[in-house]
Amino acid sequence: MHIPFTKRHARQITKADYDYYDDIIGMDHYNLRNMKHILGKDPEHKISLLYQFAGQDKDIADPWYTGNFDETYDDVIIGCKALLNKILD
């Protein structure tokens, strides 16, 4: 499988992001906890795990720690396809 690599950058989520974005998605429960700490309450239920769109309350493992990039890639694909189906509905 060929996954292209291009330059990317990350940034810290901000409280203003809650009003700006429709969905705020984390990969694991640790992400959710930190996002809720920064964003505060979630009255519009915008914050969710990626895998919740696939009907599961499952964390997506960080390959930095597991070394299993293929499993993480597969899980992200499942979550993204389910998210796309939600958007298209």
PDB file of N, CA and C in Angstrom:
ATOM      1  N   MET A   1       0.849  -1.157   0.000  1.00  0.00           N
ATOM      2  CA  MET A   1       0.000   0.000   0.000  1.00  0.00           C
ATOM      3  C   MET A   1       0.903   1.230   0.000  1.00  0.00           C
ATOM      4  N   HIS A   2       0.606   2.156  -0.874  1.00  0.00           N
ATOM      5  CA  HIS A   2       1.421   3.365  -0.986  1.00  0.00           C
ATOM      6  C   HIS A   2       0.635   4.544  -0.418  1.00  0.00           C
ATOM      7  N   ILE A   3       1.103   5.062   0.684  1.00  0.00           N
ATOM      8  CA  ILE A   3       0.479   6.225   1.308  1.00  0.00           C
ATOM      9  C   ILE A   3       1.445   7.388   1.130  1.00  0.00           C
ATOM     10  N   PRO A   4       1.047   8.403   0.377  1.00  0.00           N
ATOM     11  CA  PRO A   4       1.968   9.520   0.144  1.00  0.00           C
ATOM     12  C   PRO A   4       2.215  10.308   1.427  1.00  0.00           C
ATOM     13  N   PHE A   5       3.403  10.843   1.522  1.00  0.00           N
ATOM     14  CA  PHE A   5       3.746  11.670   2.675  1.00  0.00           C
ATOM     15  C   PHE A   5       4.005  13.086   2.183  1.00  0.00           C
ATOM     16  N   THR A   6       3.261  14.009   2.723  1.00  0.00           N
ATOM     17  CA  THR A   6       3.486  15.421   2.435  1.00  0.00           C
ATOM     18  C   THR A   6       3.600  16.149   3.763  1.00  0.00           C
ATOM     19  N   LYS A   7       4.167  17.332   3.734  1.00  0.00           N
ATOM     20  CA  LYS A   7       4.327  18.089   4.967  1.00  0.00           C
ATOM     21  C   LYS A   7       2.965  18.398   5.582  1.00  0.00           C
ATOM     22  N   ARG A   8       2.893  18.218   6.889  1.00  0.00           N
ATOM     23  CA  ARG A   8       1.683  18.514   7.654  1.00  0.00           C
ATOM     24  C   ARG A   8       2.104  19.246   8.915  1.00  0.00           C
ATOM     25  N   HIS A   9       1.132  19.801   9.581  1.00  0.00           N
ATOM     26  CA  HIS A   9       1.415  20.389  10.883  1.00  0.00           C
ATOM     27  C   HIS A   9       0.197  20.202  11.777  1.00  0.00           C
ATOM     28  N   ALA A  10       0.418  20.214  13.037  1.00  0.00           N
ATOM     29  CA  ALA A  10      -0.653  20.079  14.021  1.00  0.00           C
ATOM     30  C   ALA A  10      -0.755  21.378  14.802  1.00  0.00           C
ATOM     31  N   ARG A  11      -1.893  21.555  15.436  1.00  0.00           N
ATOM     32  CA  ARG A  11      -2.053  22.699  16.329  1.00  0.00           C
ATOM     33  C   ARG A  11      -2.942  22.283  17.491  1.00  0.00           C
ATOM     34  N   GLN A  12      -2.833  22.989  18.558  1.00  0.00           N
ATOM     35  CA  GLN A  12      -3.635  22.726  19.752  1.00  0.00           C
ATOM     36  C   GLN A  12      -5.069  23.168  19.493  1.00  0.00           C
ATOM     37  N   ILE A  13      -6.025  22.356  19.895  1.00  0.00           N
ATOM     38  CA  ILE A  13      -7.432  22.719  19.790  1.00  0.00           C
ATOM     39  C   ILE A  13      -7.702  23.909  20.717  1.00  0.00           C
ATOM     40  N   THR A  14      -8.631  24.765  20.317  1.00  0.00           N
ATOM     41  CA  THR A  14      -8.981  25.929  21.135  1.00  0.00           C
ATOM     42  C   THR A  14     -10.471  25.928  21.423  1.00  0.00           C
ATOM     43  N   LYS A  15     -10.860  26.672  22.417  1.00  0.00           N
ATOM     44  CA  LYS A  15     -12.271  26.766  22.784  1.00  0.00           C
ATOM     45  C   LYS A  15     -13.107  27.279  21.604  1.00  0.00           C
ATOM     46  N   ALA A  16     -12.547  28.173  20.790  1.00  0.00           N
ATOM     47  CA  ALA A  16     -13.259  28.720  19.632  1.00  0.00           C
ATOM     48  C   ALA A  16     -13.563  27.645  18.586  1.00  0.00           C
ATOM     49  N   ASP A  17     -12.808  26.572  18.566  1.00  0.00           N
ATOM     50  CA  ASP A  17     -13.051  25.492  17.602  1.00  0.00           C
ATOM     51  C   ASP A  17     -14.424  24.867  17.797  1.00  0.00           C
ATOM     52  N   TYR A  18     -14.929  24.859  19.015  1.00  0.00           N
ATOM     53  CA  TYR A  18     -16.236  24.237  19.269  1.00  0.00           C
ATOM     54  C   TYR A  18     -17.324  24.926  18.451  1.00  0.00           C
ATOM     55  N   ASP A  19     -17.308  26.243  18.397  1.00  0.00           N
ATOM     56  CA  ASP A  19     -18.324  26.980  17.635  1.00  0.00           C
ATOM     57  C   ASP A  19     -18.090  26.887  16.131  1.00  0.00           C
ATOM     58  N   TYR A  20     -16.844  26.740  15.717  1.00  0.00           N
ATOM     59  CA  TYR A  20     -16.493  26.763  14.302  1.00  0.00           C
ATOM     60  C   TYR A  20     -16.782  25.437  13.588  1.00  0.00           C
ATOM     61  N   TYR A  21     -16.518  24.296  14.249  1.00  0.00           N
ATOM     62  CA  TYR A  21     -16.622  22.984  13.598  1.00  0.00           C
ATOM     63  C   TYR A  21     -17.919  22.267  13.949  1.00  0.00           C
ATOM     64  N   ASP A  22     -18.414  21.470  13.002  1.00  0.00           N
ATOM     65  CA  ASP A  22     -19.622  20.671  13.225  1.00  0.00           C
ATOM     66  C   ASP A  22     -19.330  19.411  14.020  1.00  0.00           C
ATOM     67  N   ASP A  23     -18.186  18.803  13.787  1.00  0.00           N
ATOM     68  CA  ASP A  23     -17.777  17.577  14.472  1.00  0.00           C
ATOM     69  C   ASP A  23     -16.346  17.743  14.951  1.00  0.00           C
ATOM     70  N   ILE A  24     -16.085  17.268  16.160  1.00  0.00           N
ATOM     71  CA  ILE A  24     -14.737  17.281  16.718  1.00  0.00           C
ATOM     72  C   ILE A  24     -14.451  15.845  17.125  1.00  0.00           C
ATOM     73  N   ILE A  25     -13.490  15.238  16.447  1.00  0.00           N
ATOM     74  CA  ILE A  25     -13.312  13.795  16.519  1.00  0.00           C
ATOM     75  C   ILE A  25     -11.951  13.440  17.106  1.00  0.00           C
ATOM     76  N   GLY A  26     -11.988  12.547  18.084  1.00  0.00           N
ATOM     77  CA  GLY A  26     -10.763  12.042  18.692  1.00  0.00           C
ATOM     78  C   GLY A  26     -10.549  10.585  18.342  1.00  0.00           C
ATOM     79  N   MET A  27      -9.325  10.132  18.509  1.00  0.00           N
ATOM     80  CA  MET A  27      -8.996   8.745  18.195  1.00  0.00           C
ATOM     81  C   MET A  27      -9.138   7.821  19.396  1.00  0.00           C
ATOM     82  N   ASP A  28      -9.060   8.372  20.608  1.00  0.00           N
ATOM     83  CA  ASP A  28      -9.182   7.524  21.794  1.00  0.00           C
ATOM     84  C   ASP A  28      -9.795   8.317  22.945  1.00  0.00           C
ATOM     85  N   HIS A  29     -10.127   7.605  24.016  1.00  0.00           N
ATOM     86  CA  HIS A  29     -10.775   8.240  25.161  1.00  0.00           C
ATOM     87  C   HIS A  29      -9.887   9.288  25.828  1.00  0.00           C
ATOM     88  N   TYR A  30      -8.592   9.103  25.759  1.00  0.00           N
ATOM     89  CA  TYR A  30      -7.660  10.089  26.289  1.00  0.00           C
ATOM     90  C   TYR A  30      -7.791  11.402  25.510  1.00  0.00           C
ATOM     91  N   ASN A  31      -7.910  11.318  24.174  1.00  0.00           N
ATOM     92  CA  ASN A  31      -8.150  12.517  23.355  1.00  0.00           C
ATOM     93  C   ASN A  31      -9.447  13.198  23.760  1.00  0.00           C
ATOM     94  N   LEU A  32     -10.501  12.405  23.928  1.00  0.00           N
ATOM     95  CA  LEU A  32     -11.798  12.977  24.301  1.00  0.00           C
ATOM     96  C   LEU A  32     -11.718  13.718  25.625  1.00  0.00           C
ATOM     97  N   ARG A  33     -11.072  13.105  26.603  1.00  0.00           N
ATOM     98  CA  ARG A  33     -10.947  13.737  27.909  1.00  0.00           C
ATOM     99  C   ARG A  33     -10.222  15.074  27.796  1.00  0.00           C
ATOM    100  N   ASN A  34      -9.138  15.105  27.057  1.00  0.00           N
ATOM    101  CA  ASN A  34      -8.386  16.344  26.893  1.00  0.00           C
ATOM    102  C   ASN A  34      -9.171  17.395  26.108  1.00  0.00           C
ATOM    103  N   MET A  35      -9.888  16.976  25.076  1.00  0.00           N
ATOM    104  CA  MET A  35     -10.692  17.927  24.303  1.00  0.00           C
ATOM    105  C   MET A  35     -11.794  18.523  25.167  1.00  0.00           C
ATOM    106  N   LYS A  36     -12.458  17.693  25.955  1.00  0.00           N
ATOM    107  CA  LYS A  36     -13.522  18.201  26.823  1.00  0.00           C
ATOM    108  C   LYS A  36     -12.965  19.128  27.895  1.00  0.00           C
ATOM    109  N   HIS A  37     -11.755  18.865  28.340  1.00  0.00           N
ATOM    110  CA  HIS A  37     -11.114  19.747  29.321  1.00  0.00           C
ATOM    111  C   HIS A  37     -10.887  21.135  28.706  1.00  0.00           C
ATOM    112  N   ILE A  38     -10.461  21.179  27.459  1.00  0.00           N
ATOM    113  CA  ILE A  38     -10.189  22.452  26.781  1.00  0.00           C
ATOM    114  C   ILE A  38     -11.481  23.126  26.329  1.00  0.00           C
ATOM    115  N   LEU A  39     -12.398  22.352  25.749  1.00  0.00           N
ATOM    116  CA  LEU A  39     -13.600  22.913  25.143  1.00  0.00           C
ATOM    117  C   LEU A  39     -14.720  23.170  26.146  1.00  0.00           C
ATOM    118  N   GLY A  40     -14.716  22.453  27.247  1.00  0.00           N
ATOM    119  CA  GLY A  40     -15.803  22.595  28.216  1.00  0.00           C
ATOM    120  C   GLY A  40     -16.946  21.651  27.882  1.00  0.00           C
ATOM    121  N   LYS A  41     -18.133  22.060  28.240  1.00  0.00           N
ATOM    122  CA  LYS A  41     -19.309  21.219  28.016  1.00  0.00           C
ATOM    123  C   LYS A  41     -19.533  20.998  26.519  1.00  0.00           C
ATOM    124  N   ASP A  42     -20.292  19.948  26.227  1.00  0.00           N
ATOM    125  CA  ASP A  42     -20.568  19.576  24.838  1.00  0.00           C
ATOM    126  C   ASP A  42     -22.088  19.537  24.609  1.00  0.00           C
ATOM    127  N   PRO A  43     -22.764  20.709  24.722  1.00  0.00           N
ATOM    128  CA  PRO A  43     -24.227  20.706  24.617  1.00  0.00           C
ATOM    129  C   PRO A  43     -24.757  20.285  23.248  1.00  0.00           C
ATOM    130  N   GLU A  44     -23.954  20.451  22.209  1.00  0.00           N
ATOM    131  CA  GLU A  44     -24.395  20.095  20.860  1.00  0.00           C
ATOM    132  C   GLU A  44     -23.916  18.708  20.436  1.00  0.00           C
ATOM    133  N   HIS A  45     -23.284  17.990  21.341  1.00  0.00           N
ATOM    134  CA  HIS A  45     -22.798  16.622  21.086  1.00  0.00           C
ATOM    135  C   HIS A  45     -21.939  16.548  19.822  1.00  0.00           C
ATOM    136  N   LYS A  46     -20.971  17.451  19.745  1.00  0.00           N
ATOM    137  CA  LYS A  46     -20.063  17.500  18.605  1.00  0.00           C
ATOM    138  C   LYS A  46     -18.825  16.633  18.809  1.00  0.00           C
ATOM    139  N   ILE A  47     -18.494  16.339  20.051  1.00  0.00           N
ATOM    140  CA  ILE A  47     -17.266  15.625  20.370  1.00  0.00           C
ATOM    141  C   ILE A  47     -17.536  14.123  20.385  1.00  0.00           C
ATOM    142  N   SER A  48     -16.751  13.377  19.610  1.00  0.00           N
ATOM    143  CA  SER A  48     -16.957  11.929  19.565  1.00  0.00           C
ATOM    144  C   SER A  48     -15.670  11.214  19.176  1.00  0.00           C
ATOM    145  N   LEU A  49     -15.687   9.903  19.412  1.00  0.00           N
ATOM    146  CA  LEU A  49     -14.608   9.029  18.946  1.00  0.00           C
ATOM    147  C   LEU A  49     -14.851   8.697  17.479  1.00  0.00           C
ATOM    148  N   LEU A  50     -13.792   8.577  16.713  1.00  0.00           N
ATOM    149  CA  LEU A  50     -13.946   8.218  15.299  1.00  0.00           C
ATOM    150  C   LEU A  50     -14.677   6.885  15.157  1.00  0.00           C
ATOM    151  N   TYR A  51     -14.335   5.935  15.998  1.00  0.00           N
ATOM    152  CA  TYR A  51     -14.925   4.596  15.866  1.00  0.00           C
ATOM    153  C   TYR A  51     -16.403   4.569  16.259  1.00  0.00           C
ATOM    154  N   GLN A  52     -16.901   5.603  16.955  1.00  0.00           N
ATOM    155  CA  GLN A  52     -18.326   5.646  17.295  1.00  0.00           C
ATOM    156  C   GLN A  52     -19.193   5.719  16.042  1.00  0.00           C
ATOM    157  N   PHE A  53     -18.656   6.300  14.976  1.00  0.00           N
ATOM    158  CA  PHE A  53     -19.423   6.368  13.729  1.00  0.00           C
ATOM    159  C   PHE A  53     -19.619   4.985  13.126  1.00  0.00           C
ATOM    160  N   ALA A  54     -18.758   4.048  13.502  1.00  0.00           N
ATOM    161  CA  ALA A  54     -18.875   2.655  13.054  1.00  0.00           C
ATOM    162  C   ALA A  54     -19.649   1.821  14.069  1.00  0.00           C
ATOM    163  N   GLY A  55     -20.271   2.485  15.044  1.00  0.00           N
ATOM    164  CA  GLY A  55     -21.102   1.787  16.010  1.00  0.00           C
ATOM    165  C   GLY A  55     -20.333   1.111  17.133  1.00  0.00           C
ATOM    166  N   GLN A  56     -19.098   1.528  17.378  1.00  0.00           N
ATOM    167  CA  GLN A  56     -18.297   0.899  18.430  1.00  0.00           C
ATOM    168  C   GLN A  56     -17.684   1.970  19.335  1.00  0.00           C
ATOM    169  N   ASP A  57     -17.555   1.632  20.593  1.00  0.00           N
ATOM    170  CA  ASP A  57     -16.908   2.507  21.566  1.00  0.00           C
ATOM    171  C   ASP A  57     -15.475   2.015  21.758  1.00  0.00           C
ATOM    172  N   LYS A  58     -14.695   2.131  20.693  1.00  0.00           N
ATOM    173  CA  LYS A  58     -13.354   1.549  20.658  1.00  0.00           C
ATOM    174  C   LYS A  58     -12.321   2.626  20.372  1.00  0.00           C
ATOM    175  N   ASP A  59     -11.203   2.558  21.075  1.00  0.00           N
ATOM    176  CA  ASP A  59     -10.086   3.451  20.804  1.00  0.00           C
ATOM    177  C   ASP A  59      -9.344   2.987  19.556  1.00  0.00           C
ATOM    178  N   ILE A  60      -8.791   3.939  18.825  1.00  0.00           N
ATOM    179  CA  ILE A  60      -7.868   3.622  17.741  1.00  0.00           C
ATOM    180  C   ILE A  60      -6.472   3.745  18.330  1.00  0.00           C
ATOM    181  N   ALA A  61      -5.747   2.659  18.285  1.00  0.00           N
ATOM    182  CA  ALA A  61      -4.425   2.602  18.913  1.00  0.00           C
ATOM    183  C   ALA A  61      -3.439   3.524  18.202  1.00  0.00           C
ATOM    184  N   ASP A  62      -2.596   4.160  18.985  1.00  0.00           N
ATOM    185  CA  ASP A  62      -1.560   5.038  18.448  1.00  0.00           C
ATOM    186  C   ASP A  62      -0.365   4.183  18.028  1.00  0.00           C
ATOM    187  N   PRO A  63      -0.042   4.158  16.737  1.00  0.00           N
ATOM    188  CA  PRO A  63       1.049   3.290  16.282  1.00  0.00           C
ATOM    189  C   PRO A  63       2.419   3.731  16.798  1.00  0.00           C
ATOM    190  N   TRP A  64       2.504   4.947  17.304  1.00  0.00           N
ATOM    191  CA  TRP A  64       3.764   5.385  17.909  1.00  0.00           C
ATOM    192  C   TRP A  64       4.126   4.450  19.061  1.00  0.00           C
ATOM    193  N   TYR A  65       3.086   3.995  19.776  1.00  0.00           N
ATOM    194  CA  TYR A  65       3.307   3.126  20.932  1.00  0.00           C
ATOM    195  C   TYR A  65       3.219   1.645  20.583  1.00  0.00           C
ATOM    196  N   THR A  66       2.325   1.293  19.633  1.00  0.00           N
ATOM    197  CA  THR A  66       2.119  -0.121  19.327  1.00  0.00           C
ATOM    198  C   THR A  66       3.055  -0.627  18.233  1.00  0.00           C
ATOM    199  N   GLY A  67       3.491   0.273  17.362  1.00  0.00           N
ATOM    200  CA  GLY A  67       4.306  -0.134  16.222  1.00  0.00           C
ATOM    201  C   GLY A  67       3.497  -0.788  15.113  1.00  0.00           C
ATOM    202  N   ASN A  68       2.184  -0.906  15.311  1.00  0.00           N
ATOM    203  CA  ASN A  68       1.335  -1.584  14.339  1.00  0.00           C
ATOM    204  C   ASN A  68       0.590  -0.552  13.476  1.00  0.00           C
ATOM    205  N   PHE A  69       1.286   0.000  12.505  1.00  0.00           N
ATOM    206  CA  PHE A  69       0.710   1.031  11.651  1.00  0.00           C
ATOM    207  C   PHE A  69      -0.402   0.483  10.770  1.00  0.00           C
ATOM    208  N   ASP A  70      -0.293  -0.767  10.347  1.00  0.00           N
ATOM    209  CA  ASP A  70      -1.331  -1.349   9.491  1.00  0.00           C
ATOM    210  C   ASP A  70      -2.669  -1.456  10.212  1.00  0.00           C
ATOM    211  N   GLU A  71      -2.650  -1.898  11.466  1.00  0.00           N
ATOM    212  CA  GLU A  71      -3.895  -2.005  12.237  1.00  0.00           C
ATOM    213  C   GLU A  71      -4.520  -0.626  12.438  1.00  0.00           C
ATOM    214  N   THR A  72      -3.702   0.352  12.776  1.00  0.00           N
ATOM    215  CA  THR A  72      -4.217   1.708  12.964  1.00  0.00           C
ATOM    216  C   THR A  72      -4.797   2.239  11.660  1.00  0.00           C
ATOM    217  N   TYR A  73      -4.107   2.030  10.560  1.00  0.00           N
ATOM    218  CA  TYR A  73      -4.591   2.470   9.252  1.00  0.00           C
ATOM    219  C   TYR A  73      -5.948   1.836   8.948  1.00  0.00           C
ATOM    220  N   ASP A  74      -6.064   0.538   9.157  1.00  0.00           N
ATOM    221  CA  ASP A  74      -7.333  -0.159   8.906  1.00  0.00           C
ATOM    222  C   ASP A  74      -8.453   0.400   9.773  1.00  0.00           C
ATOM    223  N   ASP A  75      -8.168   0.647  11.053  1.00  0.00           N
ATOM    224  CA  ASP A  75      -9.183   1.205  11.958  1.00  0.00           C
ATOM    225  C   ASP A  75      -9.609   2.606  11.536  1.00  0.00           C
ATOM    226  N   VAL A  76      -8.647   3.416  11.116  1.00  0.00           N
ATOM    227  CA  VAL A  76      -8.971   4.774  10.668  1.00  0.00           C
ATOM    228  C   VAL A  76      -9.835   4.717   9.410  1.00  0.00           C
ATOM    229  N   ILE A  77      -9.540   3.814   8.500  1.00  0.00           N
ATOM    230  CA  ILE A  77     -10.352   3.663   7.281  1.00  0.00           C
ATOM    231  C   ILE A  77     -11.781   3.289   7.642  1.00  0.00           C
ATOM    232  N   ILE A  78     -11.961   2.347   8.555  1.00  0.00           N
ATOM    233  CA  ILE A  78     -13.308   1.942   8.988  1.00  0.00           C
ATOM    234  C   ILE A  78     -14.052   3.133   9.574  1.00  0.00           C
ATOM    235  N   GLY A  79     -13.391   3.863  10.463  1.00  0.00           N
ATOM    236  CA  GLY A  79     -14.020   5.025  11.082  1.00  0.00           C
ATOM    237  C   GLY A  79     -14.349   6.114  10.081  1.00  0.00           C
ATOM    238  N   CYS A  80     -13.445   6.385   9.153  1.00  0.00           N
ATOM    239  CA  CYS A  80     -13.670   7.434   8.158  1.00  0.00           C
ATOM    240  C   CYS A  80     -14.794   7.071   7.185  1.00  0.00           C
ATOM    241  N   LYS A  81     -14.865   5.811   6.789  1.00  0.00           N
ATOM    242  CA  LYS A  81     -15.959   5.388   5.904  1.00  0.00           C
ATOM    243  C   LYS A  81     -17.303   5.537   6.613  1.00  0.00           C
ATOM    244  N   ALA A  82     -17.351   5.188   7.885  1.00  0.00           N
ATOM    245  CA  ALA A  82     -18.595   5.330   8.646  1.00  0.00           C
ATOM    246  C   ALA A  82     -18.949   6.803   8.817  1.00  0.00           C
ATOM    247  N   LEU A  83     -17.954   7.647   9.062  1.00  0.00           N
ATOM    248  CA  LEU A  83     -18.194   9.084   9.176  1.00  0.00           C
ATOM    249  C   LEU A  83     -18.709   9.633   7.851  1.00  0.00           C
ATOM    250  N   LEU A  84     -18.123   9.228   6.740  1.00  0.00           N
ATOM    251  CA  LEU A  84     -18.577   9.676   5.420  1.00  0.00           C
ATOM    252  C   LEU A  84     -20.026   9.271   5.191  1.00  0.00           C
ATOM    253  N   ASN A  85     -20.394   8.049   5.573  1.00  0.00           N
ATOM    254  CA  ASN A  85     -21.788   7.619   5.433  1.00  0.00           C
ATOM    255  C   ASN A  85     -22.721   8.492   6.247  1.00  0.00           C
ATOM    256  N   LYS A  86     -22.295   8.893   7.450  1.00  0.00           N
ATOM    257  CA  LYS A  86     -23.116   9.783   8.288  1.00  0.00           C
ATOM    258  C   LYS A  86     -23.292  11.130   7.596  1.00  0.00           C
ATOM    259  N   ILE A  87     -22.218  11.648   7.040  1.00  0.00           N
ATOM    260  CA  ILE A  87     -22.285  12.951   6.364  1.00  0.00           C
ATOM    261  C   ILE A  87     -23.202  12.887   5.150  1.00  0.00           C
ATOM    262  N   LEU A  88     -23.118  11.785   4.388  1.00  0.00           N
ATOM    263  CA  LEU A  88     -23.921  11.656   3.177  1.00  0.00           C
ATOM    264  C   LEU A  88     -25.400  11.405   3.463  1.00  0.00           C
ATOM    265  N   ASP A  89     -25.705  10.889   4.656  1.00  0.00           N
ATOM    266  CA  ASP A  89     -27.123  10.639   5.010  1.00  0.00           C
ATOM    267  C   ASP A  89     -27.823  11.894   5.305  1.00  0.00           C
TER     268      ASP A  89
END
